[in-house]
Amino acid sequence: MEATIEVTGLRKRFGQTMALDGMSFTVTPGQVTGFVGPNGAGKSTTMRVILGLDAADEGSALVNGRPYQSLRNPLGHIGALLDAAALQPSRTARNHLLWLAHSQGLTAKRVDEVIGLVGLESAARRKAGGYSLGMRQRLGIAAALLGDPPVLMLDEPVNGLDPEGIVWIRGFLRSLAAEGRAVLVSSHLMSELQDTAGHLVVVGRGRVIADTSVAALIAAASRDRVTLRTPARSEAMTVLAHAGATVAAADRDALTVSGLAAADIVALLGQNAVPFSEVTAHRATLEEAYMDLTRDAVEFRAATGQETAR
């Protein structure tokens, strides 16, 4: 069976708001694909269209080459977690999964298998209404895995997990992708995706801004920047600026330098007797790369300290 999600030219309007404006991307097997963007970027609407919960005005969304509505036994094609709170609170976790399994012709044995996979054995016969948010996330992931699908789509799966749970979900998602599954993960925690995803689809205002590997995105954001640590920041800034570099303060004893190679920076500082303790090529974080990409796509932005002080 194919393991793909193919989104092509999706457009969706809610009243005067264009939620999706030509959204197109493909989720391929064998890797975790991060699906990221500011609030209002169209992530949730896209996922709802993929699952047939919303109808697009234009375009298509295919799961394993077919629209979701045409899939027989859909849990065997795609497992999804969109809302960890979408369960009957008076029902035990095991009974919740048994109810889902019965609707798809799946066995109680499979229910117990997925309970074990997500680490809920000791709490399986407790009512789900008493679960913490992290436990509900695990239960939602168990439900997504019931049909052993080749495609998984998870919305903010790290939300509510404790540190142990976060470490677990990182490794678990990577292992699912390593089995050849296509895994799409929506998240606003860039640090989590940097450790988990191999590919990123970055969206803003209903469109795809970037569709690239995590490594390529970080490399592009790093550009030719160099990190310089020096106890003489003012002197270093003056020397480097006179040589044509662009210099910005990073923290108390660090500068970020653009426009000069590391070797040239070392030579200039030596010639001018400016002390320094470190000169290294700057490696941007995924969060820095994301912020660079989405700066113009944020719909609501808080004022900076300088702006509020005016």
Protein backbone atom coordinates (compact mmCIF):
# COMPACT_ATOMS: atom_id res chain seq x y z
CA MET A 1 0.00 0.00 0.00
CA GLU A 2 1.16 3.54 -0.74
CA ALA A 3 2.09 5.70 2.25
CA THR A 4 1.51 9.29 1.20
CA ILE A 5 -0.55 12.39 1.77
CA GLU A 6 -0.89 14.53 -1.35
CA VAL A 7 -2.34 18.02 -0.95
CA THR A 8 -2.83 19.90 -4.22
CA GLY A 9 -4.10 23.46 -4.68
CA LEU A 10 -6.40 23.53 -1.66
CA ARG A 11 -8.52 26.66 -1.31
CA LYS A 12 -10.98 27.20 1.49
CA ARG A 13 -12.81 30.34 2.53
CA PHE A 14 -14.74 30.90 5.76
CA GLY A 15 -16.83 34.01 5.12
CA GLN A 16 -14.38 36.82 4.38
CA THR A 17 -11.37 34.79 5.58
CA MET A 18 -9.26 32.85 3.09
CA ALA A 19 -8.08 29.97 5.28
CA LEU A 20 -6.35 28.05 2.48
CA ASP A 21 -4.97 29.82 -0.57
CA GLY A 22 -3.50 27.20 -2.88
CA MET A 23 -2.00 24.88 -0.25
CA SER A 24 0.11 22.14 -1.90
CA PHE A 25 2.59 19.62 -0.45
CA THR A 26 3.32 15.89 -0.25
CA VAL A 27 4.12 13.79 2.82
CA THR A 28 6.33 10.86 1.81
CA PRO A 29 7.08 7.58 3.59
CA GLY A 30 10.12 6.88 5.72
CA GLN A 31 10.45 10.20 7.51
CA VAL A 32 8.72 12.52 9.96
CA THR A 33 7.43 15.64 8.20
CA GLY A 34 6.89 18.67 10.43
CA PHE A 35 3.89 20.86 9.56
CA VAL A 36 4.50 24.30 11.07
CA GLY A 37 3.28 27.86 10.83
CA PRO A 38 1.86 30.71 12.92
CA ASN A 39 -1.65 30.65 14.35
CA GLY A 40 -4.13 31.10 11.51
CA ALA A 41 -1.70 29.74 8.91
CA GLY A 42 -4.12 27.00 7.80
CA LYS A 43 -2.64 23.92 9.48
CA SER A 44 -5.78 22.73 11.27
CA THR A 45 -8.00 23.44 8.28
CA THR A 46 -5.66 21.48 6.01
CA MET A 47 -5.71 18.48 8.33
CA ARG A 48 -9.50 18.61 8.59
CA VAL A 49 -9.78 18.66 4.80
CA ILE A 50 -7.43 15.66 4.53
CA LEU A 51 -9.75 13.75 6.89
CA GLY A 52 -12.92 14.85 5.11
CA LEU A 53 -14.12 16.88 8.11
CA ASP A 54 -14.15 20.06 6.01
CA ALA A 55 -14.73 20.31 2.27
CA ALA A 56 -12.30 22.39 0.20
CA ASP A 57 -13.66 24.95 -2.25
CA GLU A 58 -10.95 23.91 -4.72
CA GLY A 59 -8.14 21.39 -4.93
CA SER A 60 -7.68 17.88 -3.60
CA ALA A 61 -6.30 15.99 -0.61
CA LEU A 62 -5.44 12.33 -1.16
CA VAL A 63 -4.47 9.65 1.35
CA ASN A 64 -2.57 6.80 -0.32
CA GLY A 65 -3.81 8.10 -3.67
CA ARG A 66 -7.50 8.35 -2.76
CA PRO A 67 -9.85 10.86 -1.08
CA TYR A 68 -10.49 9.99 2.56
CA GLN A 69 -14.23 9.62 1.95
CA SER A 70 -13.60 6.76 -0.50
CA LEU A 71 -11.42 4.72 1.88
CA ARG A 72 -12.83 1.47 3.23
CA ASN A 73 -11.71 0.87 6.82
CA PRO A 74 -10.02 4.28 7.00
CA LEU A 75 -8.12 3.44 10.22
CA GLY A 76 -6.15 0.97 8.14
CA HIS A 77 -5.03 3.78 5.82
CA ILE A 78 -4.47 6.80 8.09
CA GLY A 79 -4.37 7.25 11.84
CA ALA A 80 -4.99 10.76 13.13
CA LEU A 81 -4.90 12.68 16.40
CA LEU A 82 -6.45 16.12 16.09
CA ASP A 83 -8.00 16.62 19.54
CA ALA A 84 -6.89 14.59 22.55
CA ALA A 85 -10.02 15.71 24.45
CA ALA A 86 -12.40 14.14 21.91
CA LEU A 87 -13.44 11.13 23.97
CA GLN A 88 -16.23 9.98 26.28
CA PRO A 89 -14.97 10.81 29.81
CA SER A 90 -17.10 8.15 31.54
CA ARG A 91 -15.62 5.38 29.37
CA THR A 92 -12.40 3.62 30.33
CA ALA A 93 -9.44 4.03 28.00
CA ARG A 94 -9.61 0.38 26.98
CA ASN A 95 -13.34 0.55 26.30
CA HIS A 96 -12.82 3.73 24.26
CA LEU A 97 -10.33 1.84 22.08
CA LEU A 98 -12.56 -1.26 21.94
CA TRP A 99 -15.43 0.88 20.65
CA LEU A 100 -13.21 2.31 17.90
CA ALA A 101 -11.79 -1.12 17.08
CA HIS A 102 -15.24 -2.67 16.78
CA SER A 103 -16.30 0.00 14.29
CA GLN A 104 -13.40 -1.05 12.03
CA GLY A 105 -13.55 -4.81 12.51
CA LEU A 106 -10.41 -4.86 14.67
CA THR A 107 -9.78 -7.21 17.59
CA ALA A 108 -9.40 -6.76 21.34
CA LYS A 109 -5.89 -8.17 20.94
CA ARG A 110 -4.96 -5.19 18.78
CA VAL A 111 -6.41 -2.85 21.42
CA ASP A 112 -4.14 -4.35 24.07
CA GLU A 113 -1.17 -4.12 21.69
CA VAL A 114 -1.54 -0.37 21.13
CA ILE A 115 -2.15 0.23 24.84
CA GLY A 116 1.23 -1.40 25.42
CA LEU A 117 2.88 0.59 22.64
CA VAL A 118 1.95 3.93 24.25
CA GLY A 119 2.65 2.85 27.84
CA LEU A 120 -0.89 2.96 29.26
CA GLU A 121 -1.14 -0.61 30.58
CA SER A 122 -1.46 0.42 34.23
CA ALA A 123 -4.18 2.99 33.49
CA ALA A 124 -6.13 1.20 30.73
CA ARG A 125 -9.14 0.40 32.95
CA ARG A 126 -9.40 3.89 34.44
CA LYS A 127 -12.03 6.32 33.16
CA ALA A 128 -10.55 8.60 30.53
CA GLY A 129 -12.17 11.63 32.15
CA GLY A 130 -9.63 11.35 34.96
CA TYR A 131 -6.65 11.29 32.61
CA SER A 132 -4.10 14.11 32.52
CA LEU A 133 -3.59 15.88 29.18
CA GLY A 134 -0.40 13.89 28.60
CA MET A 135 -2.22 10.60 29.20
CA ARG A 136 -4.99 11.68 26.82
CA GLN A 137 -2.34 12.37 24.20
CA ARG A 138 -1.03 8.83 24.62
CA LEU A 139 -4.58 7.47 24.35
CA GLY A 140 -5.13 9.49 21.17
CA ILE A 141 -1.92 8.13 19.67
CA ALA A 142 -3.04 4.60 20.58
CA ALA A 143 -6.31 5.22 18.74
CA ALA A 144 -4.41 6.48 15.70
CA LEU A 145 -2.35 3.28 15.65
CA LEU A 146 -5.28 0.86 15.95
CA GLY A 147 -5.47 -0.02 12.26
CA ASP A 148 -1.66 -0.23 11.89
CA PRO A 149 -1.91 2.46 9.18
CA PRO A 150 0.90 3.39 6.77
CA VAL A 151 0.08 7.09 7.27
CA LEU A 152 -0.10 8.99 10.57
CA MET A 153 -1.17 12.59 11.13
CA LEU A 154 -0.75 14.06 14.61
CA ASP A 155 -1.64 17.58 15.75
CA GLU A 156 0.61 18.84 18.58
CA PRO A 157 1.33 15.35 19.99
CA VAL A 158 3.87 16.72 22.51
CA ASN A 159 1.31 19.04 24.13
CA GLY A 160 0.83 18.09 27.79
CA LEU A 161 3.56 15.45 27.92
CA ASP A 162 6.06 15.47 30.80
CA PRO A 163 9.82 15.37 30.04
CA GLU A 164 9.85 11.56 29.99
CA GLY A 165 6.88 11.58 27.64
CA ILE A 166 8.57 14.07 25.32
CA VAL A 167 11.67 11.89 25.05
CA TRP A 168 9.40 8.90 24.40
CA ILE A 169 7.37 10.58 21.63
CA ARG A 170 10.52 11.75 19.82
CA GLY A 171 11.88 8.23 19.57
CA PHE A 172 8.46 6.72 18.90
CA LEU A 173 7.73 8.98 15.92
CA ARG A 174 11.17 8.32 14.45
CA SER A 175 10.64 4.58 14.84
CA LEU A 176 7.27 4.74 13.08
CA ALA A 177 8.86 6.58 10.15
CA ALA A 178 11.74 4.08 10.10
CA GLU A 179 9.14 1.35 9.50
CA GLY A 180 8.30 3.10 6.21
CA ARG A 181 5.27 5.07 7.35
CA ALA A 182 4.48 8.63 6.26
CA VAL A 183 4.26 10.70 9.46
CA LEU A 184 2.91 14.28 9.48
CA VAL A 185 3.31 16.16 12.77
CA SER A 186 1.89 19.61 13.37
CA SER A 187 3.72 21.49 16.12
CA HIS A 188 4.66 24.95 17.31
CA LEU A 189 7.67 23.63 19.29
CA MET A 190 10.54 24.02 16.86
CA SER A 191 13.02 22.47 19.29
CA GLU A 192 11.02 19.24 19.27
CA LEU A 193 10.87 19.07 15.49
CA GLN A 194 14.60 19.79 15.18
CA ASP A 195 15.20 16.53 17.05
CA THR A 196 12.43 14.56 15.34
CA ALA A 197 11.57 15.70 11.81
CA GLY A 198 13.65 15.15 8.71
CA HIS A 199 11.48 17.37 6.52
CA LEU A 200 9.46 20.53 7.09
CA VAL A 201 6.44 22.10 5.43
CA VAL A 202 6.26 25.71 6.65
CA VAL A 203 2.99 27.51 5.99
CA GLY A 204 1.66 31.03 6.42
CA ARG A 205 -1.60 32.73 5.43
CA GLY A 206 -2.91 29.56 3.82
CA ARG A 207 0.11 28.96 1.57
CA VAL A 208 3.30 26.91 1.69
CA ILE A 209 6.29 29.15 2.45
CA ALA A 210 8.94 26.40 2.46
CA ASP A 211 8.97 22.68 1.68
CA THR A 212 12.46 21.43 2.46
CA SER A 213 14.64 19.26 4.65
CA VAL A 214 15.39 20.45 8.18
CA ALA A 215 19.13 20.38 7.39
CA ALA A 216 18.73 22.58 4.29
CA LEU A 217 16.54 25.06 6.14
CA ILE A 218 19.04 25.43 8.98
CA ALA A 219 21.94 25.77 6.53
CA ALA A 220 20.13 28.54 4.62
CA ALA A 221 19.33 30.40 7.84
CA SER A 222 22.91 30.08 9.06
CA ARG A 223 24.22 31.76 5.88
CA ASP A 224 27.74 33.15 6.30
CA ARG A 225 27.35 34.21 9.92
CA VAL A 226 30.11 33.78 12.48
CA THR A 227 29.77 33.82 16.26
CA LEU A 228 32.48 35.82 18.04
CA ARG A 229 33.02 35.82 21.80
CA THR A 230 35.13 38.65 23.15
CA PRO A 231 35.46 40.65 26.38
CA ALA A 232 36.02 43.75 24.22
CA ARG A 233 32.76 43.94 22.29
CA SER A 234 32.90 47.64 21.45
CA GLU A 235 36.43 47.45 20.07
CA ALA A 236 35.65 44.33 18.07
CA MET A 237 32.49 45.87 16.62
CA THR A 238 34.43 48.95 15.51
CA VAL A 239 37.24 46.97 13.86
CA LEU A 240 34.91 44.59 12.05
CA ALA A 241 32.47 47.29 10.93
CA HIS A 242 35.36 49.27 9.40
CA ALA A 243 36.27 46.13 7.44
CA GLY A 244 32.77 46.02 5.95
CA ALA A 245 31.17 43.38 8.20
CA THR A 246 27.68 43.54 9.64
CA VAL A 247 27.88 43.04 13.40
CA ALA A 248 25.09 42.46 15.91
CA ALA A 249 25.17 41.82 19.65
CA ALA A 250 24.02 38.28 20.49
CA ASP A 251 24.42 38.17 24.29
CA ARG A 252 26.64 39.60 27.01
CA ASP A 253 30.00 38.67 25.47
CA ALA A 254 28.98 37.43 22.01
CA LEU A 255 28.61 39.03 18.59
CA THR A 256 27.14 37.68 15.36
CA VAL A 257 29.22 38.74 12.36
CA SER A 258 28.15 38.58 8.69
CA GLY A 259 30.17 39.43 5.59
CA LEU A 260 33.59 38.20 6.74
CA ALA A 261 35.00 34.68 6.86
CA ALA A 262 36.10 33.32 10.25
CA ALA A 263 39.77 33.37 9.21
CA ASP A 264 39.54 37.05 8.21
CA ILE A 265 37.91 37.92 11.53
CA VAL A 266 40.70 36.20 13.45
CA ALA A 267 43.34 38.07 11.40
CA LEU A 268 41.69 41.47 11.89
CA LEU A 269 41.28 41.03 15.63
CA GLY A 270 44.91 39.92 15.93
CA GLN A 271 46.19 42.89 13.91
CA ASN A 272 44.27 45.27 16.17
CA ALA A 273 45.09 43.52 19.47
CA VAL A 274 41.43 42.82 20.24
CA PRO A 275 41.16 39.82 22.58
CA PHE A 276 38.68 37.03 21.85
CA SER A 277 37.92 33.54 23.15
CA GLU A 278 35.90 32.03 20.30
CA VAL A 279 35.31 32.42 16.56
CA THR A 280 32.97 29.79 15.10
CA ALA A 281 30.69 29.46 12.12
CA HIS A 282 27.16 30.18 13.34
CA ARG A 283 24.65 27.31 13.14
CA ALA A 284 21.12 28.65 13.28
CA THR A 285 18.53 26.82 15.34
CA LEU A 286 15.37 25.58 13.68
CA GLU A 287 13.49 28.23 15.63
CA GLU A 288 15.67 30.99 14.14
CA ALA A 289 15.12 29.61 10.65
CA TYR A 290 11.38 29.39 11.25
CA MET A 291 11.17 32.95 12.58
CA ASP A 292 13.04 34.26 9.53
CA LEU A 293 10.63 32.48 7.19
CA THR A 294 7.38 33.39 8.92
CA ARG A 295 8.12 36.97 9.97
CA ASP A 296 5.75 38.36 7.32
CA ALA A 297 3.12 35.64 7.78
CA VAL A 298 2.21 36.30 11.42
CA GLU A 299 -1.31 37.63 11.70
CA PHE A 300 -1.13 38.87 15.29
CA ARG A 301 2.13 40.21 16.70
CA ALA A 302 2.77 41.58 20.20
CA ALA A 303 4.56 44.89 20.54
CA THR A 304 8.25 44.75 21.41
CA GLY A 305 9.61 46.39 24.52
CA GLN A 306 10.89 49.33 22.47
CA GLU A 307 7.48 49.85 20.86
CA THR A 308 5.61 49.82 24.19
CA ALA A 309 8.09 52.28 25.65
CA ARG A 310 7.36 54.92 23.04
